[in-house]
Amino acid sequence: GKKQVLFGVSLEVRPGEVVALIGPNGGGKSTILKAVCGL
């Protein structure tokens, strides 16, 4: 809606790599996945 959750986030995942996103609830971790997925 009008609520901004992510503010200039940059990251990368290389082929075959396991990358972890950690942090407290409400930090925007799941929002990153939804944006990448197209949800």
Full PDB file with SEQRES, HELIX, SHEET, SSBOND, CRYST1, ORIGX, SCALE, CONECT and MASTER records, all heavy atoms in Angstrom:
SEQRES   1 A   39  GLY LYS LYS GLN VAL LEU PHE GLY VAL SER LEU GLU VAL          
SEQRES   2 A   39  ARG PRO GLY GLU VAL VAL ALA LEU ILE GLY PRO ASN GLY          
SEQRES   3 A   39  GLY GLY LYS SER THR ILE LEU LYS ALA VAL CYS GLY LEU          
HELIX    1 AA1 LYS A   29  CYS A   37  1                                   9    
CRYST1    1.000    1.000    1.000  90.00  90.00  90.00 P 1           1          
ORIGX1      1.000000  0.000000  0.000000        0.00000                         
ORIGX2      0.000000  1.000000  0.000000        0.00000                         
ORIGX3      0.000000  0.000000  1.000000        0.00000                         
SCALE1      1.000000  0.000000  0.000000        0.00000                         
SCALE2      0.000000  1.000000  0.000000        0.00000                         
SCALE3      0.000000  0.000000  1.000000        0.00000                         
ATOM      1  N   GLY A   1       0.840  -1.192   0.000  1.00  0.00           N  
ATOM      2  CA  GLY A   1       0.000   0.000   0.000  1.00  0.00           C  
ATOM      3  C   GLY A   1       0.874   1.241   0.000  1.00  0.00           C  
ATOM      4  O   GLY A   1       1.753   1.409  -0.844  1.00  0.00           O  
ATOM      5  N   LYS A   2       0.664   2.103   0.999  1.00  0.00           N  
ATOM      6  CA  LYS A   2       1.484   3.318   1.116  1.00  0.00           C  
ATOM      7  C   LYS A   2       2.638   3.143   2.099  1.00  0.00           C  
ATOM      8  O   LYS A   2       3.440   4.062   2.275  1.00  0.00           O  
ATOM      9  CB  LYS A   2       0.616   4.496   1.554  1.00  0.00           C  
ATOM     10  CG  LYS A   2      -0.444   4.896   0.533  1.00  0.00           C  
ATOM     11  CD  LYS A   2      -1.244   6.096   1.016  1.00  0.00           C  
ATOM     12  CE  LYS A   2      -2.279   6.513  -0.026  1.00  0.00           C  
ATOM     13  NZ  LYS A   2      -3.062   7.707   0.416  1.00  0.00           N  
ATOM     14  N   LYS A   3       2.725   1.977   2.726  1.00  0.00           N  
ATOM     15  CA  LYS A   3       3.752   1.753   3.747  1.00  0.00           C  
ATOM     16  C   LYS A   3       5.021   1.207   3.106  1.00  0.00           C  
ATOM     17  O   LYS A   3       5.031   0.093   2.581  1.00  0.00           O  
ATOM     18  CB  LYS A   3       3.253   0.781   4.814  1.00  0.00           C  
ATOM     19  CG  LYS A   3       4.292   0.477   5.907  1.00  0.00           C  
ATOM     20  CD  LYS A   3       3.717  -0.419   6.971  1.00  0.00           C  
ATOM     21  CE  LYS A   3       4.776  -0.834   7.975  1.00  0.00           C  
ATOM     22  NZ  LYS A   3       5.429   0.318   8.614  1.00  0.00           N  
ATOM     23  N   GLN A   4       6.090   1.965   3.169  1.00  0.00           N  
ATOM     24  CA  GLN A   4       7.362   1.506   2.631  1.00  0.00           C  
ATOM     25  C   GLN A   4       8.048   0.604   3.645  1.00  0.00           C  
ATOM     26  O   GLN A   4       8.109   0.911   4.833  1.00  0.00           O  
ATOM     27  CB  GLN A   4       8.271   2.693   2.293  1.00  0.00           C  
ATOM     28  CG  GLN A   4       9.558   2.271   1.583  1.00  0.00           C  
ATOM     29  CD  GLN A   4      10.312   3.436   0.976  1.00  0.00           C  
ATOM     30  OE1 GLN A   4       9.804   4.550   0.947  1.00  0.00           O  
ATOM     31  NE2 GLN A   4      11.514   3.197   0.479  1.00  0.00           N  
ATOM     32  N   VAL A   5       8.564  -0.534   3.162  1.00  0.00           N  
ATOM     33  CA  VAL A   5       9.196  -1.534   4.029  1.00  0.00           C  
ATOM     34  C   VAL A   5      10.691  -1.648   3.755  1.00  0.00           C  
ATOM     35  O   VAL A   5      11.484  -1.812   4.681  1.00  0.00           O  
ATOM     36  CB  VAL A   5       8.514  -2.905   3.860  1.00  0.00           C  
ATOM     37  CG1 VAL A   5       9.225  -3.976   4.675  1.00  0.00           C  
ATOM     38  CG2 VAL A   5       7.048  -2.823   4.272  1.00  0.00           C  
ATOM     39  N   LEU A   6      11.095  -1.577   2.487  1.00  0.00           N  
ATOM     40  CA  LEU A   6      12.507  -1.692   2.124  1.00  0.00           C  
ATOM     41  C   LEU A   6      13.039  -0.348   1.634  1.00  0.00           C  
ATOM     42  O   LEU A   6      12.380   0.342   0.854  1.00  0.00           O  
ATOM     43  CB  LEU A   6      12.691  -2.742   1.024  1.00  0.00           C  
ATOM     44  CG  LEU A   6      12.280  -4.172   1.374  1.00  0.00           C  
ATOM     45  CD1 LEU A   6      12.488  -5.090   0.175  1.00  0.00           C  
ATOM     46  CD2 LEU A   6      13.040  -4.701   2.588  1.00  0.00           C  
ATOM     47  N   PHE A   7      14.245  -0.023   2.079  1.00  0.00           N  
ATOM     48  CA  PHE A   7      14.842   1.271   1.783  1.00  0.00           C  
ATOM     49  C   PHE A   7      16.247   1.073   1.189  1.00  0.00           C  
ATOM     50  O   PHE A   7      17.233   1.000   1.915  1.00  0.00           O  
ATOM     51  CB  PHE A   7      14.930   2.114   3.059  1.00  0.00           C  
ATOM     52  CG  PHE A   7      13.613   2.396   3.717  1.00  0.00           C  
ATOM     53  CD1 PHE A   7      13.065   1.474   4.608  1.00  0.00           C  
ATOM     54  CD2 PHE A   7      12.911   3.565   3.446  1.00  0.00           C  
ATOM     55  CE1 PHE A   7      11.855   1.723   5.227  1.00  0.00           C  
ATOM     56  CE2 PHE A   7      11.687   3.816   4.065  1.00  0.00           C  
ATOM     57  CZ  PHE A   7      11.150   2.899   4.952  1.00  0.00           C  
ATOM     58  N   GLY A   8      16.312   0.946  -0.122  1.00  0.00           N  
ATOM     59  CA  GLY A   8      17.601   0.860  -0.793  1.00  0.00           C  
ATOM     60  C   GLY A   8      18.387  -0.403  -0.507  1.00  0.00           C  
ATOM     61  O   GLY A   8      19.609  -0.352  -0.333  1.00  0.00           O  
ATOM     62  N   VAL A   9      17.715  -1.546  -0.487  1.00  0.00           N  
ATOM     63  CA  VAL A   9      18.383  -2.820  -0.185  1.00  0.00           C  
ATOM     64  C   VAL A   9      19.137  -3.331  -1.410  1.00  0.00           C  
ATOM     65  O   VAL A   9      18.593  -3.376  -2.518  1.00  0.00           O  
ATOM     66  CB  VAL A   9      17.353  -3.878   0.271  1.00  0.00           C  
ATOM     67  CG1 VAL A   9      17.978  -5.271   0.299  1.00  0.00           C  
ATOM     68  CG2 VAL A   9      16.806  -3.517   1.647  1.00  0.00           C  
ATOM     69  N   SER A  10      20.384  -3.727  -1.178  1.00  0.00           N  
ATOM     70  CA  SER A  10      21.199  -4.340  -2.233  1.00  0.00           C  
ATOM     71  C   SER A  10      21.789  -5.641  -1.707  1.00  0.00           C  
ATOM     72  O   SER A  10      22.275  -5.684  -0.570  1.00  0.00           O  
ATOM     73  CB  SER A  10      22.336  -3.413  -2.662  1.00  0.00           C  
ATOM     74  OG  SER A  10      21.843  -2.226  -3.256  1.00  0.00           O  
ATOM     75  N   LEU A  11      21.725  -6.683  -2.526  1.00  0.00           N  
ATOM     76  CA  LEU A  11      22.349  -7.963  -2.170  1.00  0.00           C  
ATOM     77  C   LEU A  11      22.510  -8.797  -3.421  1.00  0.00           C  
ATOM     78  O   LEU A  11      21.964  -8.466  -4.480  1.00  0.00           O  
ATOM     79  CB  LEU A  11      21.531  -8.708  -1.107  1.00  0.00           C  
ATOM     80  CG  LEU A  11      20.102  -9.171  -1.436  1.00  0.00           C  
ATOM     81  CD1 LEU A  11      20.101 -10.527  -2.145  1.00  0.00           C  
ATOM     82  CD2 LEU A  11      19.267  -9.274  -0.177  1.00  0.00           C  
ATOM     83  N   GLU A  12      23.276  -9.884  -3.279  1.00  0.00           N  
ATOM     84  CA  GLU A  12      23.443 -10.778  -4.414  1.00  0.00           C  
ATOM     85  C   GLU A  12      23.557 -12.220  -3.932  1.00  0.00           C  
ATOM     86  O   GLU A  12      23.964 -12.484  -2.794  1.00  0.00           O  
ATOM     87  CB  GLU A  12      24.669 -10.406  -5.247  1.00  0.00           C  
ATOM     88  CG  GLU A  12      25.993 -10.512  -4.528  1.00  0.00           C  
ATOM     89  CD  GLU A  12      27.157 -10.108  -5.425  1.00  0.00           C  
ATOM     90  OE1 GLU A  12      26.967  -9.248  -6.298  1.00  0.00           O  
ATOM     91  OE2 GLU A  12      28.249 -10.674  -5.246  1.00  0.00           O  
ATOM     92  N   VAL A  13      23.162 -13.123  -4.808  1.00  0.00           N  
ATOM     93  CA  VAL A  13      23.300 -14.561  -4.584  1.00  0.00           C  
ATOM     94  C   VAL A  13      24.022 -15.129  -5.791  1.00  0.00           C  
ATOM     95  O   VAL A  13      23.572 -14.969  -6.928  1.00  0.00           O  
ATOM     96  CB  VAL A  13      21.936 -15.254  -4.427  1.00  0.00           C  
ATOM     97  CG1 VAL A  13      22.133 -16.748  -4.159  1.00  0.00           C  
ATOM     98  CG2 VAL A  13      21.110 -14.620  -3.317  1.00  0.00           C  
ATOM     99  N   ARG A  14      25.142 -15.794  -5.546  1.00  0.00           N  
ATOM    100  CA  ARG A  14      25.915 -16.383  -6.629  1.00  0.00           C  
ATOM    101  C   ARG A  14      25.450 -17.814  -6.897  1.00  0.00           C  
ATOM    102  O   ARG A  14      24.838 -18.434  -6.037  1.00  0.00           O  
ATOM    103  CB  ARG A  14      27.404 -16.360  -6.273  1.00  0.00           C  
ATOM    104  CG  ARG A  14      27.959 -14.955  -6.099  1.00  0.00           C  
ATOM    105  CD  ARG A  14      29.357 -14.965  -5.555  1.00  0.00           C  
ATOM    106  NE  ARG A  14      29.839 -13.615  -5.323  1.00  0.00           N  
ATOM    107  CZ  ARG A  14      30.973 -13.322  -4.716  1.00  0.00           C  
ATOM    108  NH1 ARG A  14      31.749 -14.307  -4.240  1.00  0.00           N  
ATOM    109  NH2 ARG A  14      31.344 -12.072  -4.547  1.00  0.00           N  
ATOM    110  N   PRO A  15      25.748 -18.353  -8.077  1.00  0.00           N  
ATOM    111  CA  PRO A  15      25.343 -19.724  -8.390  1.00  0.00           C  
ATOM    112  C   PRO A  15      25.849 -20.717  -7.342  1.00  0.00           C  
ATOM    113  O   PRO A  15      27.017 -20.678  -6.930  1.00  0.00           O  
ATOM    114  CB  PRO A  15      26.009 -19.978  -9.750  1.00  0.00           C  
ATOM    115  CG  PRO A  15      26.128 -18.624 -10.366  1.00  0.00           C  
ATOM    116  CD  PRO A  15      26.421 -17.699  -9.225  1.00  0.00           C  
ATOM    117  N   GLY A  16      24.958 -21.594  -6.891  1.00  0.00           N  
ATOM    118  CA  GLY A  16      25.316 -22.632  -5.935  1.00  0.00           C  
ATOM    119  C   GLY A  16      25.542 -22.163  -4.516  1.00  0.00           C  
ATOM    120  O   GLY A  16      25.956 -22.962  -3.666  1.00  0.00           O  
ATOM    121  N   GLU A  17      25.219 -20.919  -4.218  1.00  0.00           N  
ATOM    122  CA  GLU A  17      25.505 -20.337  -2.907  1.00  0.00           C  
ATOM    123  C   GLU A  17      24.270 -20.400  -2.008  1.00  0.00           C  
ATOM    124  O   GLU A  17      23.135 -20.313  -2.471  1.00  0.00           O  
ATOM    125  CB  GLU A  17      25.927 -18.876  -3.102  1.00  0.00           C  
ATOM    126  CG  GLU A  17      26.499 -18.198  -1.881  1.00  0.00           C  
ATOM    127  CD  GLU A  17      27.028 -16.811  -2.212  1.00  0.00           C  
ATOM    128  OE1 GLU A  17      26.326 -16.046  -2.909  1.00  0.00           O  
ATOM    129  OE2 GLU A  17      28.148 -16.489  -1.777  1.00  0.00           O  
ATOM    130  N   VAL A  18      24.497 -20.547  -0.694  1.00  0.00           N  
ATOM    131  CA  VAL A  18      23.425 -20.422   0.303  1.00  0.00           C  
ATOM    132  C   VAL A  18      23.598 -19.070   0.991  1.00  0.00           C  
ATOM    133  O   VAL A  18      24.637 -18.811   1.607  1.00  0.00           O  
ATOM    134  CB  VAL A  18      23.477 -21.546   1.356  1.00  0.00           C  
ATOM    135  CG1 VAL A  18      22.375 -21.340   2.398  1.00  0.00           C  
ATOM    136  CG2 VAL A  18      23.333 -22.915   0.704  1.00  0.00           C  
ATOM    137  N   VAL A  19      22.594 -18.220   0.859  1.00  0.00           N  
ATOM    138  CA  VAL A  19      22.635 -16.878   1.439  1.00  0.00           C  
ATOM    139  C   VAL A  19      21.511 -16.750   2.452  1.00  0.00           C  
ATOM    140  O   VAL A  19      20.351 -17.085   2.159  1.00  0.00           O  
ATOM    141  CB  VAL A  19      22.498 -15.794   0.351  1.00  0.00           C  
ATOM    142  CG1 VAL A  19      22.397 -14.403   0.976  1.00  0.00           C  
ATOM    143  CG2 VAL A  19      23.678 -15.861  -0.605  1.00  0.00           C  
ATOM    144  N   ALA A  20      21.836 -16.274   3.651  1.00  0.00           N  
ATOM    145  CA  ALA A  20      20.861 -16.139   4.725  1.00  0.00           C  
ATOM    146  C   ALA A  20      20.468 -14.681   4.919  1.00  0.00           C  
ATOM    147  O   ALA A  20      21.322 -13.784   4.885  1.00  0.00           O  
ATOM    148  CB  ALA A  20      21.435 -16.692   6.032  1.00  0.00           C  
ATOM    149  N   LEU A  21      19.171 -14.459   5.120  1.00  0.00           N  
ATOM    150  CA  LEU A  21      18.646 -13.153   5.506  1.00  0.00           C  
ATOM    151  C   LEU A  21      18.148 -13.270   6.939  1.00  0.00           C  
ATOM    152  O   LEU A  21      17.250 -14.065   7.215  1.00  0.00           O  
ATOM    153  CB  LEU A  21      17.494 -12.737   4.593  1.00  0.00           C  
ATOM    154  CG  LEU A  21      17.789 -12.581   3.102  1.00  0.00           C  
ATOM    155  CD1 LEU A  21      16.509 -12.211   2.357  1.00  0.00           C  
ATOM    156  CD2 LEU A  21      18.854 -11.538   2.868  1.00  0.00           C  
ATOM    157  N   ILE A  22      18.746 -12.504   7.843  1.00  0.00           N  
ATOM    158  CA  ILE A  22      18.358 -12.577   9.253  1.00  0.00           C  
ATOM    159  C   ILE A  22      17.974 -11.192   9.751  1.00  0.00           C  
ATOM    160  O   ILE A  22      18.271 -10.182   9.105  1.00  0.00           O  
ATOM    161  CB  ILE A  22      19.501 -13.151  10.119  1.00  0.00           C  
ATOM    162  CG1 ILE A  22      20.725 -12.223  10.079  1.00  0.00           C  
ATOM    163  CG2 ILE A  22      19.881 -14.556   9.654  1.00  0.00           C  
ATOM    164  CD1 ILE A  22      21.802 -12.594  11.074  1.00  0.00           C  
ATOM    165  N   GLY A  23      17.329 -11.172  10.914  1.00  0.00           N  
ATOM    166  CA  GLY A  23      16.938  -9.909  11.508  1.00  0.00           C  
ATOM    167  C   GLY A  23      15.603 -10.035  12.217  1.00  0.00           C  
ATOM    168  O   GLY A  23      14.900 -11.044  12.080  1.00  0.00           O  
ATOM    169  N   PRO A  24      15.220  -9.034  12.985  1.00  0.00           N  
ATOM    170  CA  PRO A  24      13.964  -9.090  13.740  1.00  0.00           C  
ATOM    171  C   PRO A  24      12.745  -9.050  12.831  1.00  0.00           C  
ATOM    172  O   PRO A  24      12.833  -8.649  11.663  1.00  0.00           O  
ATOM    173  CB  PRO A  24      14.034  -7.836  14.628  1.00  0.00           C  
ATOM    174  CG  PRO A  24      14.936  -6.905  13.880  1.00  0.00           C  
ATOM    175  CD  PRO A  24      15.947  -7.771  13.199  1.00  0.00           C  
ATOM    176  N   ASN A  25      11.606  -9.445  13.369  1.00  0.00           N  
ATOM    177  CA  ASN A  25      10.357  -9.365  12.621  1.00  0.00           C  
ATOM    178  C   ASN A  25      10.108  -7.922  12.194  1.00  0.00           C  
ATOM    179  O   ASN A  25      10.369  -6.979  12.949  1.00  0.00           O  
ATOM    180  CB  ASN A  25       9.188  -9.853  13.483  1.00  0.00           C  
ATOM    181  CG  ASN A  25       9.223 -11.351  13.691  1.00  0.00           C  
ATOM    182  OD1 ASN A  25       9.683 -12.089  12.828  1.00  0.00           O  
ATOM    183  ND2 ASN A  25       8.736 -11.814  14.828  1.00  0.00           N  
ATOM    184  N   GLY A  26       9.582  -7.759  10.987  1.00  0.00           N  
ATOM    185  CA  GLY A  26       9.302  -6.425  10.478  1.00  0.00           C  
ATOM    186  C   GLY A  26      10.490  -5.767   9.820  1.00  0.00           C  
ATOM    187  O   GLY A  26      10.397  -4.612   9.385  1.00  0.00           O  
ATOM    188  N   GLY A  27      11.596  -6.496   9.707  1.00  0.00           N  
ATOM    189  CA  GLY A  27      12.796  -5.913   9.111  1.00  0.00           C  
ATOM    190  C   GLY A  27      12.793  -5.880   7.597  1.00  0.00           C  
ATOM    191  O   GLY A  27      13.617  -5.208   6.990  1.00  0.00           O  
ATOM    192  N   GLY A  28      11.888  -6.636   6.974  1.00  0.00           N  
ATOM    193  CA  GLY A  28      11.781  -6.621   5.519  1.00  0.00           C  
ATOM    194  C   GLY A  28      12.314  -7.852   4.825  1.00  0.00           C  
ATOM    195  O   GLY A  28      12.387  -7.913   3.595  1.00  0.00           O  
ATOM    196  N   LYS A  29      12.671  -8.880   5.599  1.00  0.00           N  
ATOM    197  CA  LYS A  29      13.280 -10.083   5.008  1.00  0.00           C  
ATOM    198  C   LYS A  29      12.324 -10.775   4.039  1.00  0.00           C  
ATOM    199  O   LYS A  29      12.686 -11.058   2.884  1.00  0.00           O  
ATOM    200  CB  LYS A  29      13.691 -11.056   6.125  1.00  0.00           C  
ATOM    201  CG  LYS A  29      14.599 -10.449   7.174  1.00  0.00           C  
ATOM    202  CD  LYS A  29      14.998 -11.445   8.250  1.00  0.00           C  
ATOM    203  CE  LYS A  29      13.823 -12.049   9.011  1.00  0.00           C  
ATOM    204  NZ  LYS A  29      13.031 -11.023   9.742  1.00  0.00           N  
ATOM    205  N   SER A  30      11.124 -11.071   4.498  1.00  0.00           N  
ATOM    206  CA  SER A  30      10.157 -11.769   3.639  1.00  0.00           C  
ATOM    207  C   SER A  30       9.733 -10.902   2.462  1.00  0.00           C  
ATOM    208  O   SER A  30       9.437 -11.415   1.374  1.00  0.00           O  
ATOM    209  CB  SER A  30       8.926 -12.171   4.456  1.00  0.00           C  
ATOM    210  OG  SER A  30       9.273 -13.072   5.489  1.00  0.00           O  
ATOM    211  N   THR A  31       9.727  -9.597   2.659  1.00  0.00           N  
ATOM    212  CA  THR A  31       9.356  -8.674   1.581  1.00  0.00           C  
ATOM    213  C   THR A  31      10.329  -8.771   0.421  1.00  0.00           C  
ATOM    214  O   THR A  31       9.940  -8.666  -0.745  1.00  0.00           O  
ATOM    215  CB  THR A  31       9.297  -7.233   2.125  1.00  0.00           C  
ATOM    216  OG1 THR A  31       8.368  -7.180   3.207  1.00  0.00           O  
ATOM    217  CG2 THR A  31       8.853  -6.258   1.051  1.00  0.00           C  
ATOM    218  N   ILE A  32      11.610  -9.002   0.723  1.00  0.00           N  
ATOM    219  CA  ILE A  32      12.598  -9.179  -0.342  1.00  0.00           C  
ATOM    220  C   ILE A  32      12.230 -10.380  -1.206  1.00  0.00           C  
ATOM    221  O   ILE A  32      12.229 -10.314  -2.441  1.00  0.00           O  
ATOM    222  CB  ILE A  32      14.008  -9.357   0.254  1.00  0.00           C  
ATOM    223  CG1 ILE A  32      14.478  -8.063   0.913  1.00  0.00           C  
ATOM    224  CG2 ILE A  32      15.006  -9.796  -0.823  1.00  0.00           C  
ATOM    225  CD1 ILE A  32      15.776  -8.202   1.672  1.00  0.00           C  
ATOM    226  N   LEU A  33      11.905 -11.507  -0.568  1.00  0.00           N  
ATOM    227  CA  LEU A  33      11.549 -12.709  -1.324  1.00  0.00           C  
ATOM    228  C   LEU A  33      10.313 -12.473  -2.181  1.00  0.00           C  
ATOM    229  O   LEU A  33      10.259 -12.904  -3.338  1.00  0.00           O  
ATOM    230  CB  LEU A  33      11.299 -13.878  -0.365  1.00  0.00           C  
ATOM    231  CG  LEU A  33      12.424 -14.283   0.591  1.00  0.00           C  
ATOM    232  CD1 LEU A  33      12.082 -15.607   1.271  1.00  0.00           C  
ATOM    233  CD2 LEU A  33      13.760 -14.382  -0.116  1.00  0.00           C  
ATOM    234  N   LYS A  34       9.322 -11.792  -1.622  1.00  0.00           N  
ATOM    235  CA  LYS A  34       8.085 -11.541  -2.374  1.00  0.00           C  
ATOM    236  C   LYS A  34       8.333 -10.629  -3.570  1.00  0.00           C  
ATOM    237  O   LYS A  34       7.726 -10.804  -4.632  1.00  0.00           O  
ATOM    238  CB  LYS A  34       7.040 -10.942  -1.445  1.00  0.00           C  
ATOM    239  CG  LYS A  34       6.542 -11.920  -0.387  1.00  0.00           C  
ATOM    240  CD  LYS A  34       5.604 -11.243   0.605  1.00  0.00           C  
ATOM    241  CE  LYS A  34       5.182 -12.213   1.702  1.00  0.00           C  
ATOM    242  NZ  LYS A  34       4.347 -11.548   2.748  1.00  0.00           N  
ATOM    243  N   ALA A  35       9.237  -9.665  -3.407  1.00  0.00           N  
ATOM    244  CA  ALA A  35       9.546  -8.771  -4.518  1.00  0.00           C  
ATOM    245  C   ALA A  35      10.285  -9.516  -5.626  1.00  0.00           C  
ATOM    246  O   ALA A  35       9.997  -9.329  -6.817  1.00  0.00           O  
ATOM    247  CB  ALA A  35      10.381  -7.593  -4.017  1.00  0.00           C  
ATOM    248  N   VAL A  36      11.231 -10.366  -5.247  1.00  0.00           N  
ATOM    249  CA  VAL A  36      11.971 -11.148  -6.232  1.00  0.00           C  
ATOM    250  C   VAL A  36      11.029 -12.094  -6.979  1.00  0.00           C  
ATOM    251  O   VAL A  36      11.114 -12.245  -8.203  1.00  0.00           O  
ATOM    252  CB  VAL A  36      13.109 -11.943  -5.563  1.00  0.00           C  
ATOM    253  CG1 VAL A  36      13.747 -12.922  -6.553  1.00  0.00           C  
ATOM    254  CG2 VAL A  36      14.169 -10.998  -4.997  1.00  0.00           C  
ATOM    255  N   CYS A  37      10.128 -12.717  -6.236  1.00  0.00           N  
ATOM    256  CA  CYS A  37       9.196 -13.677  -6.820  1.00  0.00           C  
ATOM    257  C   CYS A  37       8.192 -13.019  -7.756  1.00  0.00           C  
ATOM    258  O   CYS A  37       7.699 -13.645  -8.694  1.00  0.00           O  
ATOM    259  CB  CYS A  37       8.475 -14.409  -5.683  1.00  0.00           C  
ATOM    260  SG  CYS A  37       7.385 -15.729  -6.214  1.00  0.00           S  
ATOM    261  N   GLY A  38       7.899 -11.733  -7.510  1.00  0.00           N  
ATOM    262  CA  GLY A  38       6.900 -11.034  -8.309  1.00  0.00           C  
ATOM    263  C   GLY A  38       5.552 -10.931  -7.640  1.00  0.00           C  
ATOM    264  O   GLY A  38       4.570 -10.538  -8.274  1.00  0.00           O  
ATOM    265  N   LEU A  39       5.497 -11.257  -6.345  1.00  0.00           N  
ATOM    266  CA  LEU A  39       4.226 -11.195  -5.614  1.00  0.00           C  
ATOM    267  C   LEU A  39       3.849  -9.770  -5.229  1.00  0.00           C  
ATOM    268  O   LEU A  39       2.671  -9.477  -4.995  1.00  0.00           O  
ATOM    269  CB  LEU A  39       4.297 -12.061  -4.354  1.00  0.00           C  
ATOM    270  CG  LEU A  39       4.349 -13.567  -4.596  1.00  0.00           C  
ATOM    271  CD1 LEU A  39       4.621 -14.306  -3.293  1.00  0.00           C  
ATOM    272  CD2 LEU A  39       3.038 -14.057  -5.211  1.00  0.00           C  
TER     273      LEU A  39                                                      
MASTER        0    0    0    1    0    0    0    6  272    1    0    3          
END                                                                             
